[in-house]
Amino acid sequence: MMHVGDWILDENANAGQIRYIGPVITSLKHPDRVWYGIEWLTTTRGSHDGQVTTPDGTSKRYFSVAPGHSASFVKPSKVSRGCSLIEAIQHKYASEAPTSDQPILHTSNGVQLPVLLVGADEIREKQRDLSKLTVCFLRRAGIASHTPLGSLLELVPNIVELDLALNAITQWEDIFQIGEELVHLVRLTLNANP
């Protein structure tokens, strides 16, 4: 169960904070349904500022958002606490399944064509040896936490560049631990984390 104040991620890895848990007046079909009122870190994700209005004009403010943020109400099943840094690395670089990062070319007449990356399988195979990985791009990977002390150094000891932008990392202790464990780290990108 999540609580007010918890940081969450939606299915598109948009980060937000739970600001309200309970029923909402605009839920006419299911007036007792529990919703999470989420303050998103961006204005593009939500559709209001914590206040909703029914079709008859009745308004109710459930919470307020910071300038530059927006809000929405979501079903609890549509959000998660995210994954750990280790889980994200293993999913992206060590899993057997190809990633869904296949580029799409959008033509001028509206046709979408998949782009075949020659050599992509060989690159993916090299990346599976995590001990040789030096650049790790995990932007918008759904990361919300670090991992037990020492596990990062054991898994990816040679990381020089690590991009963790657009995740939901909220604890400075996690950032300090990453810096302590990755002794070769030169560049760490953290923008757009809570």
N, C-alpha and C. Protein backbone atom coordinates (compact mmCIF):
# COMPACT_ATOMS: atom_id res chain seq x y z
N MET A 1 0.84 -1.20 0.00
CA MET A 1 0.00 0.00 0.00
C MET A 1 0.87 1.24 0.00
N MET A 2 0.51 2.19 -0.79
CA MET A 2 1.25 3.44 -0.85
C MET A 2 0.58 4.47 0.04
N HIS A 3 1.32 5.53 0.34
CA HIS A 3 0.86 6.56 1.26
C HIS A 3 1.06 7.94 0.66
N VAL A 4 0.33 8.92 1.19
CA VAL A 4 0.53 10.30 0.78
C VAL A 4 1.98 10.66 1.04
N GLY A 5 2.62 11.27 0.05
CA GLY A 5 4.03 11.63 0.16
C GLY A 5 4.96 10.69 -0.58
N ASP A 6 4.48 9.48 -0.92
CA ASP A 6 5.32 8.53 -1.65
C ASP A 6 5.53 9.02 -3.08
N TRP A 7 6.74 8.76 -3.60
CA TRP A 7 7.04 9.04 -5.00
C TRP A 7 6.70 7.82 -5.82
N ILE A 8 6.11 8.05 -6.99
CA ILE A 8 5.66 6.95 -7.85
C ILE A 8 6.07 7.22 -9.29
N LEU A 9 5.87 6.21 -10.11
CA LEU A 9 6.09 6.32 -11.56
C LEU A 9 4.87 5.74 -12.26
N ASP A 10 4.47 6.36 -13.37
CA ASP A 10 3.40 5.77 -14.17
C ASP A 10 4.00 4.81 -15.18
N GLU A 11 3.17 4.24 -16.05
CA GLU A 11 3.65 3.24 -17.01
C GLU A 11 4.63 3.82 -18.03
N ASN A 12 4.68 5.16 -18.16
CA ASN A 12 5.63 5.80 -19.06
C ASN A 12 6.83 6.38 -18.32
N ALA A 13 6.99 5.98 -17.06
CA ALA A 13 8.09 6.41 -16.20
C ALA A 13 8.05 7.90 -15.88
N ASN A 14 6.86 8.51 -15.91
CA ASN A 14 6.71 9.89 -15.44
C ASN A 14 6.69 9.85 -13.92
N ALA A 15 7.48 10.69 -13.29
CA ALA A 15 7.58 10.71 -11.83
C ALA A 15 6.59 11.69 -11.23
N GLY A 16 6.03 11.29 -10.09
CA GLY A 16 5.12 12.15 -9.37
C GLY A 16 5.05 11.77 -7.91
N GLN A 17 4.39 12.61 -7.13
CA GLN A 17 4.25 12.36 -5.70
C GLN A 17 2.77 12.25 -5.37
N ILE A 18 2.43 11.24 -4.57
CA ILE A 18 1.04 11.07 -4.15
C ILE A 18 0.71 12.20 -3.17
N ARG A 19 -0.32 12.97 -3.49
CA ARG A 19 -0.74 14.08 -2.64
C ARG A 19 -2.10 13.84 -2.01
N TYR A 20 -2.85 12.83 -2.52
CA TYR A 20 -4.18 12.52 -1.98
C TYR A 20 -4.49 11.07 -2.29
N ILE A 21 -5.16 10.40 -1.36
CA ILE A 21 -5.66 9.04 -1.58
C ILE A 21 -7.10 9.00 -1.10
N GLY A 22 -8.00 8.62 -2.00
CA GLY A 22 -9.41 8.52 -1.62
C GLY A 22 -10.34 8.72 -2.78
N PRO A 23 -11.65 8.82 -2.50
CA PRO A 23 -12.64 9.01 -3.57
C PRO A 23 -12.55 10.43 -4.14
N VAL A 24 -13.08 10.59 -5.36
CA VAL A 24 -13.06 11.88 -6.05
C VAL A 24 -14.47 12.16 -6.56
N ILE A 25 -14.92 13.41 -6.44
CA ILE A 25 -16.31 13.74 -6.79
C ILE A 25 -16.64 13.54 -8.26
N THR A 26 -15.64 13.52 -9.12
CA THR A 26 -15.90 13.34 -10.55
C THR A 26 -16.05 11.87 -10.92
N SER A 27 -15.84 10.97 -10.00
CA SER A 27 -15.99 9.54 -10.26
C SER A 27 -17.45 9.15 -10.02
N LEU A 28 -18.29 9.46 -10.99
CA LEU A 28 -19.74 9.28 -10.83
C LEU A 28 -20.17 7.81 -10.86
N LYS A 29 -19.54 6.99 -11.71
CA LYS A 29 -19.93 5.58 -11.80
C LYS A 29 -19.52 4.80 -10.55
N HIS A 30 -18.39 5.16 -9.98
CA HIS A 30 -17.85 4.46 -8.81
C HIS A 30 -17.46 5.49 -7.76
N PRO A 31 -18.44 6.07 -7.06
CA PRO A 31 -18.14 7.16 -6.13
C PRO A 31 -17.26 6.76 -4.94
N ASP A 32 -17.16 5.47 -4.65
CA ASP A 32 -16.33 5.03 -3.52
C ASP A 32 -14.96 4.53 -3.96
N ARG A 33 -14.67 4.56 -5.25
CA ARG A 33 -13.38 4.08 -5.75
C ARG A 33 -12.26 4.94 -5.17
N VAL A 34 -11.17 4.28 -4.81
CA VAL A 34 -10.00 4.98 -4.30
C VAL A 34 -9.11 5.39 -5.48
N TRP A 35 -8.73 6.66 -5.48
CA TRP A 35 -7.85 7.22 -6.50
C TRP A 35 -6.61 7.78 -5.82
N TYR A 36 -5.53 7.86 -6.58
CA TYR A 36 -4.34 8.56 -6.11
C TYR A 36 -4.32 9.92 -6.81
N GLY A 37 -4.26 10.97 -6.02
CA GLY A 37 -4.05 12.30 -6.56
C GLY A 37 -2.56 12.52 -6.68
N ILE A 38 -2.06 12.66 -7.90
CA ILE A 38 -0.63 12.73 -8.15
C ILE A 38 -0.23 14.13 -8.60
N GLU A 39 0.80 14.68 -7.95
CA GLU A 39 1.44 15.90 -8.43
C GLU A 39 2.62 15.47 -9.28
N TRP A 40 2.54 15.75 -10.57
CA TRP A 40 3.59 15.35 -11.51
C TRP A 40 4.68 16.40 -11.54
N LEU A 41 5.86 16.01 -11.93
CA LEU A 41 6.99 16.93 -11.99
C LEU A 41 7.01 17.75 -13.26
N THR A 42 6.01 17.59 -14.08
CA THR A 42 5.95 18.29 -15.36
C THR A 42 4.54 18.82 -15.58
N THR A 43 4.41 19.83 -16.40
CA THR A 43 3.07 20.35 -16.72
C THR A 43 2.40 19.55 -17.82
N THR A 44 3.16 18.69 -18.51
CA THR A 44 2.59 17.98 -19.65
C THR A 44 1.87 16.70 -19.26
N ARG A 45 2.06 16.19 -18.05
CA ARG A 45 1.46 14.91 -17.66
C ARG A 45 0.04 15.05 -17.12
N GLY A 46 -0.20 16.01 -16.27
CA GLY A 46 -1.50 16.14 -15.62
C GLY A 46 -2.45 17.04 -16.36
N SER A 47 -3.71 17.07 -15.88
CA SER A 47 -4.73 17.87 -16.55
C SER A 47 -5.34 18.93 -15.64
N HIS A 48 -4.86 19.04 -14.40
CA HIS A 48 -5.38 20.05 -13.48
C HIS A 48 -4.34 20.36 -12.41
N ASP A 49 -4.74 21.11 -11.39
CA ASP A 49 -3.81 21.52 -10.34
C ASP A 49 -4.22 21.00 -8.96
N GLY A 50 -4.95 19.90 -8.93
CA GLY A 50 -5.42 19.34 -7.67
C GLY A 50 -6.87 19.66 -7.37
N GLN A 51 -7.48 20.47 -8.23
CA GLN A 51 -8.89 20.82 -8.09
C GLN A 51 -9.64 20.26 -9.29
N VAL A 52 -10.80 19.65 -9.03
CA VAL A 52 -11.62 19.11 -10.11
C VAL A 52 -13.00 19.75 -10.08
N THR A 53 -13.66 19.73 -11.23
CA THR A 53 -14.99 20.31 -11.36
C THR A 53 -15.90 19.29 -12.01
N THR A 54 -17.07 19.08 -11.43
CA THR A 54 -18.05 18.16 -11.99
C THR A 54 -18.79 18.84 -13.13
N PRO A 55 -19.53 18.05 -13.94
CA PRO A 55 -20.29 18.66 -15.04
C PRO A 55 -21.31 19.71 -14.57
N ASP A 56 -21.80 19.60 -13.32
CA ASP A 56 -22.77 20.59 -12.85
C ASP A 56 -22.10 21.84 -12.27
N GLY A 57 -20.76 21.90 -12.34
CA GLY A 57 -20.04 23.09 -11.90
C GLY A 57 -19.51 23.06 -10.48
N THR A 58 -19.76 21.98 -9.75
CA THR A 58 -19.25 21.86 -8.40
C THR A 58 -17.74 21.61 -8.44
N SER A 59 -16.99 22.40 -7.69
CA SER A 59 -15.53 22.25 -7.66
C SER A 59 -15.08 21.81 -6.27
N LYS A 60 -14.01 21.04 -6.27
CA LYS A 60 -13.41 20.65 -4.99
C LYS A 60 -11.91 20.56 -5.17
N ARG A 61 -11.19 21.20 -4.24
CA ARG A 61 -9.73 21.14 -4.24
C ARG A 61 -9.31 20.04 -3.27
N TYR A 62 -8.54 19.08 -3.79
CA TYR A 62 -8.04 17.99 -2.97
C TYR A 62 -6.61 18.27 -2.49
N PHE A 63 -5.86 19.03 -3.28
CA PHE A 63 -4.49 19.42 -2.92
C PHE A 63 -4.06 20.50 -3.89
N SER A 64 -2.94 21.15 -3.59
CA SER A 64 -2.37 22.17 -4.47
C SER A 64 -1.03 21.68 -4.98
N VAL A 65 -0.61 22.18 -6.14
CA VAL A 65 0.66 21.78 -6.73
C VAL A 65 1.60 22.97 -6.79
N ALA A 66 2.88 22.68 -6.88
CA ALA A 66 3.91 23.71 -7.01
C ALA A 66 3.84 24.33 -8.40
N PRO A 67 4.30 25.57 -8.54
CA PRO A 67 4.35 26.20 -9.87
C PRO A 67 5.17 25.33 -10.84
N GLY A 68 4.66 25.17 -12.05
CA GLY A 68 5.34 24.36 -13.05
C GLY A 68 4.99 22.89 -13.00
N HIS A 69 4.17 22.50 -12.04
CA HIS A 69 3.74 21.11 -11.94
C HIS A 69 2.26 21.02 -12.30
N SER A 70 1.79 19.82 -12.55
CA SER A 70 0.37 19.61 -12.81
C SER A 70 -0.04 18.35 -12.06
N ALA A 71 -1.33 18.03 -12.12
CA ALA A 71 -1.84 16.91 -11.34
C ALA A 71 -2.86 16.11 -12.13
N SER A 72 -3.10 14.91 -11.65
CA SER A 72 -4.18 14.07 -12.17
C SER A 72 -4.52 13.03 -11.12
N PHE A 73 -5.68 12.43 -11.29
CA PHE A 73 -6.09 11.33 -10.43
C PHE A 73 -5.95 10.05 -11.24
N VAL A 74 -5.32 9.05 -10.65
CA VAL A 74 -5.08 7.79 -11.35
C VAL A 74 -5.49 6.62 -10.47
N LYS A 75 -5.81 5.52 -11.11
CA LYS A 75 -6.10 4.30 -10.37
C LYS A 75 -4.80 3.77 -9.77
N PRO A 76 -4.85 3.23 -8.57
CA PRO A 76 -3.63 2.69 -7.96
C PRO A 76 -2.91 1.67 -8.83
N SER A 77 -3.63 0.92 -9.63
CA SER A 77 -3.01 -0.09 -10.48
C SER A 77 -2.18 0.50 -11.62
N LYS A 78 -2.29 1.79 -11.86
CA LYS A 78 -1.60 2.44 -12.98
C LYS A 78 -0.24 3.04 -12.59
N VAL A 79 0.14 2.93 -11.31
CA VAL A 79 1.42 3.48 -10.87
C VAL A 79 2.19 2.44 -10.06
N SER A 80 3.49 2.68 -9.93
CA SER A 80 4.32 1.77 -9.14
C SER A 80 5.41 2.57 -8.44
N ARG A 81 6.08 1.93 -7.53
CA ARG A 81 7.20 2.57 -6.84
C ARG A 81 8.45 2.60 -7.71
N GLY A 82 8.43 1.94 -8.85
CA GLY A 82 9.59 1.91 -9.72
C GLY A 82 10.50 0.73 -9.40
N CYS A 83 11.66 0.72 -10.01
CA CYS A 83 12.60 -0.38 -9.83
C CYS A 83 13.90 0.14 -9.25
N SER A 84 14.78 -0.76 -8.92
CA SER A 84 16.10 -0.37 -8.41
C SER A 84 17.04 -0.10 -9.58
N LEU A 85 18.14 0.55 -9.29
CA LEU A 85 19.15 0.81 -10.31
C LEU A 85 19.69 -0.49 -10.89
N ILE A 86 19.95 -1.47 -10.04
CA ILE A 86 20.44 -2.78 -10.50
C ILE A 86 19.43 -3.44 -11.44
N GLU A 87 18.15 -3.42 -11.07
CA GLU A 87 17.12 -4.02 -11.92
C GLU A 87 17.07 -3.33 -13.29
N ALA A 88 17.19 -2.01 -13.30
CA ALA A 88 17.14 -1.28 -14.57
C ALA A 88 18.35 -1.61 -15.46
N ILE A 89 19.53 -1.72 -14.84
CA ILE A 89 20.73 -2.09 -15.62
C ILE A 89 20.56 -3.48 -16.20
N GLN A 90 20.13 -4.42 -15.38
CA GLN A 90 19.98 -5.80 -15.86
C GLN A 90 18.92 -5.90 -16.95
N HIS A 91 17.82 -5.17 -16.78
CA HIS A 91 16.75 -5.22 -17.78
C HIS A 91 17.22 -4.66 -19.13
N LYS A 92 17.91 -3.52 -19.09
CA LYS A 92 18.31 -2.89 -20.34
C LYS A 92 19.49 -3.56 -21.01
N TYR A 93 20.47 -3.95 -20.23
CA TYR A 93 21.72 -4.41 -20.83
C TYR A 93 21.95 -5.93 -20.77
N ALA A 94 21.33 -6.62 -19.82
CA ALA A 94 21.65 -8.04 -19.67
C ALA A 94 20.49 -8.97 -20.02
N SER A 95 19.34 -8.43 -20.33
CA SER A 95 18.21 -9.32 -20.64
C SER A 95 18.37 -9.93 -22.03
N GLU A 96 17.78 -11.08 -22.21
CA GLU A 96 17.84 -11.78 -23.51
C GLU A 96 16.93 -11.12 -24.54
N ALA A 97 15.85 -10.52 -24.06
CA ALA A 97 14.88 -9.93 -24.98
C ALA A 97 15.44 -8.63 -25.55
N PRO A 98 15.25 -8.39 -26.84
CA PRO A 98 15.68 -7.12 -27.41
C PRO A 98 14.88 -5.98 -26.80
N THR A 99 15.50 -4.82 -26.68
CA THR A 99 14.80 -3.68 -26.11
C THR A 99 13.81 -3.13 -27.13
N SER A 100 12.88 -2.32 -26.65
CA SER A 100 11.88 -1.73 -27.54
C SER A 100 12.34 -0.38 -28.06
N ASP A 101 13.65 -0.17 -28.08
CA ASP A 101 14.20 1.11 -28.50
C ASP A 101 14.42 1.18 -30.01
N GLN A 102 13.76 0.34 -30.80
CA GLN A 102 13.97 0.36 -32.24
C GLN A 102 13.49 1.69 -32.80
N PRO A 103 14.37 2.39 -33.50
CA PRO A 103 13.98 3.69 -34.05
C PRO A 103 12.91 3.55 -35.14
N ILE A 104 12.09 4.56 -35.22
CA ILE A 104 11.04 4.63 -36.24
C ILE A 104 11.27 5.89 -37.07
N LEU A 105 11.24 5.76 -38.38
CA LEU A 105 11.37 6.90 -39.28
C LEU A 105 9.97 7.35 -39.67
N HIS A 106 9.67 8.62 -39.45
CA HIS A 106 8.37 9.18 -39.82
C HIS A 106 8.55 9.91 -41.14
N THR A 107 7.89 9.40 -42.18
CA THR A 107 8.03 10.01 -43.50
C THR A 107 7.11 11.22 -43.62
N SER A 108 7.33 12.03 -44.66
CA SER A 108 6.54 13.24 -44.86
C SER A 108 5.07 12.95 -45.17
N ASN A 109 4.77 11.75 -45.67
CA ASN A 109 3.37 11.42 -45.95
C ASN A 109 2.72 10.63 -44.82
N GLY A 110 3.35 10.62 -43.63
CA GLY A 110 2.73 10.03 -42.45
C GLY A 110 2.98 8.55 -42.25
N VAL A 111 3.81 7.93 -43.06
CA VAL A 111 4.11 6.51 -42.91
C VAL A 111 5.23 6.35 -41.88
N GLN A 112 5.09 5.34 -41.02
CA GLN A 112 6.12 5.04 -40.04
C GLN A 112 6.87 3.79 -40.48
N LEU A 113 8.17 3.92 -40.64
CA LEU A 113 9.00 2.81 -41.10
C LEU A 113 10.00 2.43 -40.01
N PRO A 114 10.09 1.14 -39.67
CA PRO A 114 11.11 0.74 -38.69
C PRO A 114 12.50 0.86 -39.31
N VAL A 115 13.47 1.27 -38.51
CA VAL A 115 14.84 1.41 -38.97
C VAL A 115 15.62 0.20 -38.46
N LEU A 116 16.29 -0.48 -39.37
CA LEU A 116 17.10 -1.63 -39.01
C LEU A 116 18.51 -1.14 -38.70
N LEU A 117 18.96 -1.37 -37.48
CA LEU A 117 20.30 -0.97 -37.08
C LEU A 117 21.26 -2.11 -37.35
N VAL A 118 22.08 -1.96 -38.34
CA VAL A 118 23.05 -2.98 -38.71
C VAL A 118 24.08 -3.08 -37.59
N GLY A 119 24.29 -4.29 -37.10
CA GLY A 119 25.24 -4.51 -36.01
C GLY A 119 24.65 -4.38 -34.62
N ALA A 120 23.36 -4.10 -34.52
CA ALA A 120 22.73 -3.90 -33.21
C ALA A 120 22.82 -5.16 -32.36
N ASP A 121 22.66 -6.33 -32.96
CA ASP A 121 22.74 -7.58 -32.19
C ASP A 121 24.13 -7.78 -31.60
N GLU A 122 25.15 -7.45 -32.38
CA GLU A 122 26.52 -7.59 -31.88
C GLU A 122 26.79 -6.63 -30.74
N ILE A 123 26.30 -5.41 -30.86
CA ILE A 123 26.46 -4.42 -29.79
C ILE A 123 25.74 -4.88 -28.53
N ARG A 124 24.50 -5.36 -28.69
CA ARG A 124 23.72 -5.85 -27.55
C ARG A 124 24.44 -7.01 -26.87
N GLU A 125 25.05 -7.88 -27.65
CA GLU A 125 25.78 -9.01 -27.08
C GLU A 125 26.99 -8.52 -26.26
N LYS A 126 27.71 -7.52 -26.76
CA LYS A 126 28.84 -6.96 -26.02
C LYS A 126 28.37 -6.29 -24.73
N GLN A 127 27.23 -5.62 -24.78
CA GLN A 127 26.72 -4.92 -23.61
C GLN A 127 26.27 -5.89 -22.51
N ARG A 128 25.96 -7.12 -22.87
CA ARG A 128 25.53 -8.09 -21.86
C ARG A 128 26.64 -8.42 -20.86
N ASP A 129 27.89 -8.23 -21.25
CA ASP A 129 29.00 -8.40 -20.32
C ASP A 129 29.11 -7.10 -19.52
N LEU A 130 28.35 -7.03 -18.45
CA LEU A 130 28.22 -5.79 -17.69
C LEU A 130 29.53 -5.33 -17.07
N SER A 131 30.48 -6.24 -16.86
CA SER A 131 31.76 -5.84 -16.27
C SER A 131 32.56 -4.96 -17.23
N LYS A 132 32.23 -4.98 -18.52
CA LYS A 132 32.94 -4.16 -19.51
C LYS A 132 32.16 -2.90 -19.89
N LEU A 133 30.96 -2.76 -19.35
CA LEU A 133 30.12 -1.60 -19.69
C LEU A 133 30.73 -0.34 -19.10
N THR A 134 30.92 0.69 -19.93
CA THR A 134 31.49 1.95 -19.45
C THR A 134 30.50 3.11 -19.51
N VAL A 135 29.54 3.05 -20.41
CA VAL A 135 28.52 4.09 -20.52
C VAL A 135 27.17 3.43 -20.31
N CYS A 136 26.40 3.99 -19.41
CA CYS A 136 25.10 3.40 -19.05
C CYS A 136 24.03 4.48 -19.17
N PHE A 137 23.13 4.32 -20.12
CA PHE A 137 22.09 5.30 -20.41
C PHE A 137 20.76 4.75 -19.89
N LEU A 138 20.30 5.27 -18.75
CA LEU A 138 19.07 4.78 -18.12
C LEU A 138 18.06 5.92 -17.91
N ARG A 139 18.02 6.82 -18.86
CA ARG A 139 17.07 7.92 -18.82
C ARG A 139 15.65 7.37 -18.89
N ARG A 140 14.78 7.84 -17.99
CA ARG A 140 13.36 7.44 -17.94
C ARG A 140 13.21 5.91 -17.88
N ALA A 141 14.02 5.30 -17.00
CA ALA A 141 14.00 3.84 -16.87
C ALA A 141 13.15 3.36 -15.70
N GLY A 142 12.49 4.27 -15.00
CA GLY A 142 11.63 3.86 -13.89
C GLY A 142 12.38 3.59 -12.60
N ILE A 143 13.55 4.16 -12.44
CA ILE A 143 14.37 3.91 -11.25
C ILE A 143 13.90 4.79 -10.11
N ALA A 144 13.68 4.16 -8.97
CA ALA A 144 13.25 4.90 -7.79
C ALA A 144 14.14 4.64 -6.59
N SER A 145 15.07 3.71 -6.70
CA SER A 145 15.92 3.42 -5.55
C SER A 145 17.25 2.85 -5.99
N HIS A 146 18.20 2.89 -5.07
CA HIS A 146 19.51 2.28 -5.30
C HIS A 146 19.41 0.83 -4.80
N THR A 147 20.50 0.21 -4.52
CA THR A 147 20.54 -1.19 -4.16
C THR A 147 21.47 -1.40 -2.97
N PRO A 148 21.56 -2.61 -2.46
CA PRO A 148 22.44 -2.86 -1.31
C PRO A 148 23.89 -2.47 -1.60
N LEU A 149 24.55 -1.99 -0.58
CA LEU A 149 25.93 -1.55 -0.68
C LEU A 149 26.82 -2.63 -1.29
N GLY A 150 27.61 -2.25 -2.28
CA GLY A 150 28.55 -3.16 -2.92
C GLY A 150 28.03 -3.84 -4.16
N SER A 151 26.73 -3.92 -4.34
CA SER A 151 26.19 -4.66 -5.48
C SER A 151 26.43 -3.95 -6.81
N LEU A 152 26.45 -2.64 -6.81
CA LEU A 152 26.68 -1.88 -8.04
C LEU A 152 28.13 -2.05 -8.50
N LEU A 153 29.06 -1.95 -7.57
CA LEU A 153 30.47 -2.14 -7.89
C LEU A 153 30.73 -3.54 -8.44
N GLU A 154 30.04 -4.51 -7.88
CA GLU A 154 30.20 -5.90 -8.34
C GLU A 154 29.63 -6.09 -9.75
N LEU A 155 28.50 -5.45 -10.04
CA LEU A 155 27.82 -5.66 -11.33
C LEU A 155 28.45 -4.87 -12.47
N VAL A 156 28.70 -3.58 -12.26
CA VAL A 156 29.20 -2.69 -13.32
C VAL A 156 30.39 -1.87 -12.82
N PRO A 157 31.53 -2.50 -12.60
CA PRO A 157 32.65 -1.80 -11.97
C PRO A 157 33.34 -0.75 -12.83
N ASN A 158 33.09 -0.74 -14.14
CA ASN A 158 33.84 0.15 -15.02
C ASN A 158 33.02 1.29 -15.61
N ILE A 159 31.88 1.59 -15.01
CA ILE A 159 31.05 2.68 -15.52
C ILE A 159 31.79 4.01 -15.38
N VAL A 160 31.85 4.75 -16.49
CA VAL A 160 32.47 6.07 -16.53
C VAL A 160 31.39 7.13 -16.63
N GLU A 161 30.32 6.82 -17.38
CA GLU A 161 29.22 7.76 -17.58
C GLU A 161 27.90 7.07 -17.27
N LEU A 162 27.08 7.72 -16.44
CA LEU A 162 25.80 7.16 -16.02
C LEU A 162 24.72 8.22 -16.13
N ASP A 163 23.72 7.98 -16.97
CA ASP A 163 22.62 8.92 -17.16
C ASP A 163 21.38 8.38 -16.47
N LEU A 164 20.98 9.04 -15.39
CA LEU A 164 19.78 8.64 -14.62
C LEU A 164 18.72 9.73 -14.65
N ALA A 165 18.71 10.56 -15.67
CA ALA A 165 17.73 11.64 -15.78
C ALA A 165 16.32 11.08 -15.92
N LEU A 166 15.34 11.87 -15.48
CA LEU A 166 13.92 11.56 -15.66
C LEU A 166 13.51 10.26 -14.97
N ASN A 167 14.03 10.01 -13.79
CA ASN A 167 13.61 8.88 -12.97
C ASN A 167 12.94 9.42 -11.72
N ALA A 168 12.88 8.64 -10.68
CA ALA A 168 12.25 9.08 -9.43
C ALA A 168 13.17 8.83 -8.24
N ILE A 169 14.43 9.17 -8.40
CA ILE A 169 15.40 9.00 -7.33
C ILE A 169 15.25 10.18 -6.38
N THR A 170 14.92 9.90 -5.12
CA THR A 170 14.59 10.97 -4.17
C THR A 170 15.57 11.08 -3.00
N GLN A 171 16.45 10.12 -2.83
CA GLN A 171 17.32 10.12 -1.66
C GLN A 171 18.76 10.48 -2.03
N TRP A 172 19.32 11.49 -1.37
CA TRP A 172 20.70 11.87 -1.60
C TRP A 172 21.64 10.73 -1.23
N GLU A 173 21.27 9.93 -0.25
CA GLU A 173 22.11 8.80 0.16
C GLU A 173 22.34 7.85 -1.01
N ASP A 174 21.31 7.66 -1.85
CA ASP A 174 21.46 6.80 -3.03
C ASP A 174 22.49 7.38 -4.00
N ILE A 175 22.45 8.69 -4.19
CA ILE A 175 23.39 9.35 -5.10
C ILE A 175 24.82 9.23 -4.56
N PHE A 176 24.98 9.47 -3.26
CA PHE A 176 26.31 9.36 -2.65
C PHE A 176 26.85 7.94 -2.77
N GLN A 177 25.98 6.95 -2.57
CA GLN A 177 26.42 5.56 -2.66
C GLN A 177 26.84 5.22 -4.09
N ILE A 178 26.13 5.71 -5.07
CA ILE A 178 26.52 5.48 -6.47
C ILE A 178 27.91 6.03 -6.70
N GLY A 179 28.16 7.26 -6.23
CA GLY A 179 29.47 7.87 -6.40
C GLY A 179 30.58 7.11 -5.69
N GLU A 180 30.28 6.57 -4.52
CA GLU A 180 31.28 5.81 -3.77
C GLU A 180 31.61 4.48 -4.44
N GLU A 181 30.60 3.81 -4.98
CA GLU A 181 30.81 2.49 -5.57
C GLU A 181 31.42 2.54 -6.97
N LEU A 182 31.01 3.49 -7.76
CA LEU A 182 31.52 3.57 -9.13
C LEU A 182 32.75 4.46 -9.15
N VAL A 183 33.89 3.87 -8.85
CA VAL A 183 35.12 4.62 -8.65
C VAL A 183 35.65 5.25 -9.94
N HIS A 184 35.22 4.78 -11.09
CA HIS A 184 35.67 5.34 -12.38
C HIS A 184 34.69 6.37 -12.93
N LEU A 185 33.60 6.61 -12.21
CA LEU A 185 32.55 7.50 -12.70
C LEU A 185 33.08 8.93 -12.88
N VAL A 186 32.87 9.47 -14.09
CA VAL A 186 33.30 10.82 -14.42
C VAL A 186 32.08 11.73 -14.59
N ARG A 187 31.01 11.16 -15.16
CA ARG A 187 29.83 11.97 -15.45
C ARG A 187 28.58 11.25 -14.95
N LEU A 188 27.79 11.95 -14.15
CA LEU A 188 26.53 11.44 -13.62
C LEU A 188 25.45 12.46 -13.93
N THR A 189 24.45 12.07 -14.70
CA THR A 189 23.35 12.97 -15.08
C THR A 189 22.12 12.60 -14.26
N LEU A 190 21.58 13.60 -13.54
CA LEU A 190 20.46 13.35 -12.64
C LEU A 190 19.29 14.31 -12.86
N ASN A 191 19.33 15.14 -13.89
CA ASN A 191 18.28 16.15 -14.03
C ASN A 191 16.89 15.51 -14.12
N ALA A 192 15.91 16.27 -13.62
CA ALA A 192 14.49 15.88 -13.64
C ALA A 192 14.18 14.68 -12.76
N ASN A 193 14.92 14.49 -11.69
CA ASN A 193 14.55 13.57 -10.62
C ASN A 193 13.94 14.45 -9.53
N PRO A 194 13.07 13.88 -8.69
CA PRO A 194 12.48 14.70 -7.63
C PRO A 194 13.54 15.26 -6.72
